[in-house]
Amino acid sequence: RADPKFALAHHSVGVLLNGKGDVAGAQACFRDAIRADPKFARAHQQLAWLLATGPDGIRSGPEAVRLATRACELTGFKNAGY
């Protein structure tokens, strides 16, 4: 909150919240990270994974594919994990 443009902080909090089972909070943080830095491939990938595997109400296959594709584009399709 101290620096809304610090994408890595939003991403890191998202990872922590996801680990604690707060998928809605994690989703919000990953979205904040992407807003702060639209070229942050890891945030796109994390949100894609969450949307692909999350519970009902969070899960969105089409958006997950879009985000994963964007992560791949941002990394030049060089990261098989994305």
Protein backbone atom coordinates (compact mmCIF):
# COMPACT_ATOMS: atom_id res chain seq x y z
CA ARG A 1 0.00 0.00 0.00
CA ALA A 2 2.91 2.34 0.63
CA ASP A 3 3.93 2.15 -3.03
CA PRO A 4 1.06 1.05 -5.30
CA LYS A 5 3.43 0.92 -8.28
CA PHE A 6 5.76 -1.64 -6.65
CA ALA A 7 4.62 -4.67 -8.65
CA LEU A 8 6.95 -7.14 -6.95
CA ALA A 9 5.46 -6.31 -3.53
CA HIS A 10 1.92 -6.95 -4.81
CA HIS A 11 3.07 -10.20 -6.39
CA SER A 12 4.84 -11.35 -3.22
CA VAL A 13 1.79 -10.66 -1.06
CA GLY A 14 -0.29 -12.56 -3.61
CA VAL A 15 1.99 -15.59 -3.31
CA LEU A 16 1.73 -15.45 0.49
CA LEU A 17 -2.06 -15.10 0.47
CA ASN A 18 -2.41 -17.95 -1.99
CA GLY A 19 -0.25 -20.12 0.27
CA LYS A 20 -2.58 -19.32 3.16
CA GLY A 21 -5.61 -20.30 1.09
CA ASP A 22 -6.88 -16.77 0.49
CA VAL A 23 -7.32 -17.15 -3.26
CA ALA A 24 -9.53 -14.08 -3.61
CA GLY A 25 -6.91 -11.94 -1.89
CA ALA A 26 -4.16 -13.51 -3.99
CA GLN A 27 -6.12 -12.83 -7.16
CA ALA A 28 -6.50 -9.16 -6.21
CA CYS A 29 -2.78 -8.84 -5.47
CA PHE A 30 -1.75 -10.45 -8.76
CA ARG A 31 -4.09 -8.10 -10.61
CA ASP A 32 -2.57 -5.15 -8.73
CA ALA A 33 0.90 -6.35 -9.73
CA ILE A 34 -0.14 -6.49 -13.39
CA ARG A 35 -1.68 -3.02 -13.19
CA ALA A 36 1.51 -1.69 -11.61
CA ASP A 37 3.70 -3.34 -14.26
CA PRO A 38 1.86 -4.73 -17.31
CA LYS A 39 5.10 -6.39 -18.46
CA PHE A 40 5.60 -8.42 -15.25
CA ALA A 41 5.41 -11.90 -16.77
CA ARG A 42 5.54 -13.77 -13.46
CA ALA A 43 2.42 -11.98 -12.20
CA HIS A 44 0.58 -12.93 -15.39
CA GLN A 45 1.69 -16.53 -14.92
CA GLN A 46 0.71 -16.70 -11.24
CA LEU A 47 -2.73 -15.25 -11.92
CA ALA A 48 -3.18 -17.61 -14.87
CA TRP A 49 -2.35 -20.59 -12.66
CA LEU A 50 -4.73 -19.41 -9.96
CA LEU A 51 -7.55 -18.93 -12.46
CA ALA A 52 -6.87 -22.32 -14.04
CA THR A 53 -6.78 -24.28 -10.79
CA GLY A 54 -8.74 -22.18 -8.29
CA PRO A 55 -12.11 -22.93 -6.76
CA ASP A 56 -15.49 -22.21 -8.30
CA GLY A 57 -16.09 -18.49 -8.42
CA ILE A 58 -12.39 -17.83 -9.07
CA ARG A 59 -11.68 -20.30 -11.87
CA SER A 60 -11.79 -18.93 -15.43
CA GLY A 61 -10.24 -21.07 -18.15
CA PRO A 62 -10.43 -18.49 -20.94
CA GLU A 63 -8.83 -15.76 -18.84
CA ALA A 64 -6.19 -18.20 -17.59
CA VAL A 65 -5.23 -19.05 -21.17
CA ARG A 66 -5.11 -15.35 -22.10
CA LEU A 67 -2.86 -14.52 -19.14
CA ALA A 68 -0.59 -17.53 -19.68
CA THR A 69 -0.25 -16.61 -23.34
CA ARG A 70 0.68 -13.06 -22.36
CA ALA A 71 3.30 -14.35 -19.91
CA CYS A 72 4.78 -16.45 -22.73
CA GLU A 73 4.77 -13.47 -25.09
CA LEU A 74 6.51 -11.30 -22.51
CA THR A 75 9.28 -13.86 -22.10
CA GLY A 76 9.62 -14.64 -25.80
CA PHE A 77 8.19 -18.13 -25.23
CA LYS A 78 11.43 -19.09 -23.44
CA ASN A 79 9.92 -20.24 -20.12
CA ALA A 80 8.16 -23.60 -20.43
CA GLY A 81 6.63 -23.11 -16.97
CA TYR A 82 4.54 -20.20 -18.23
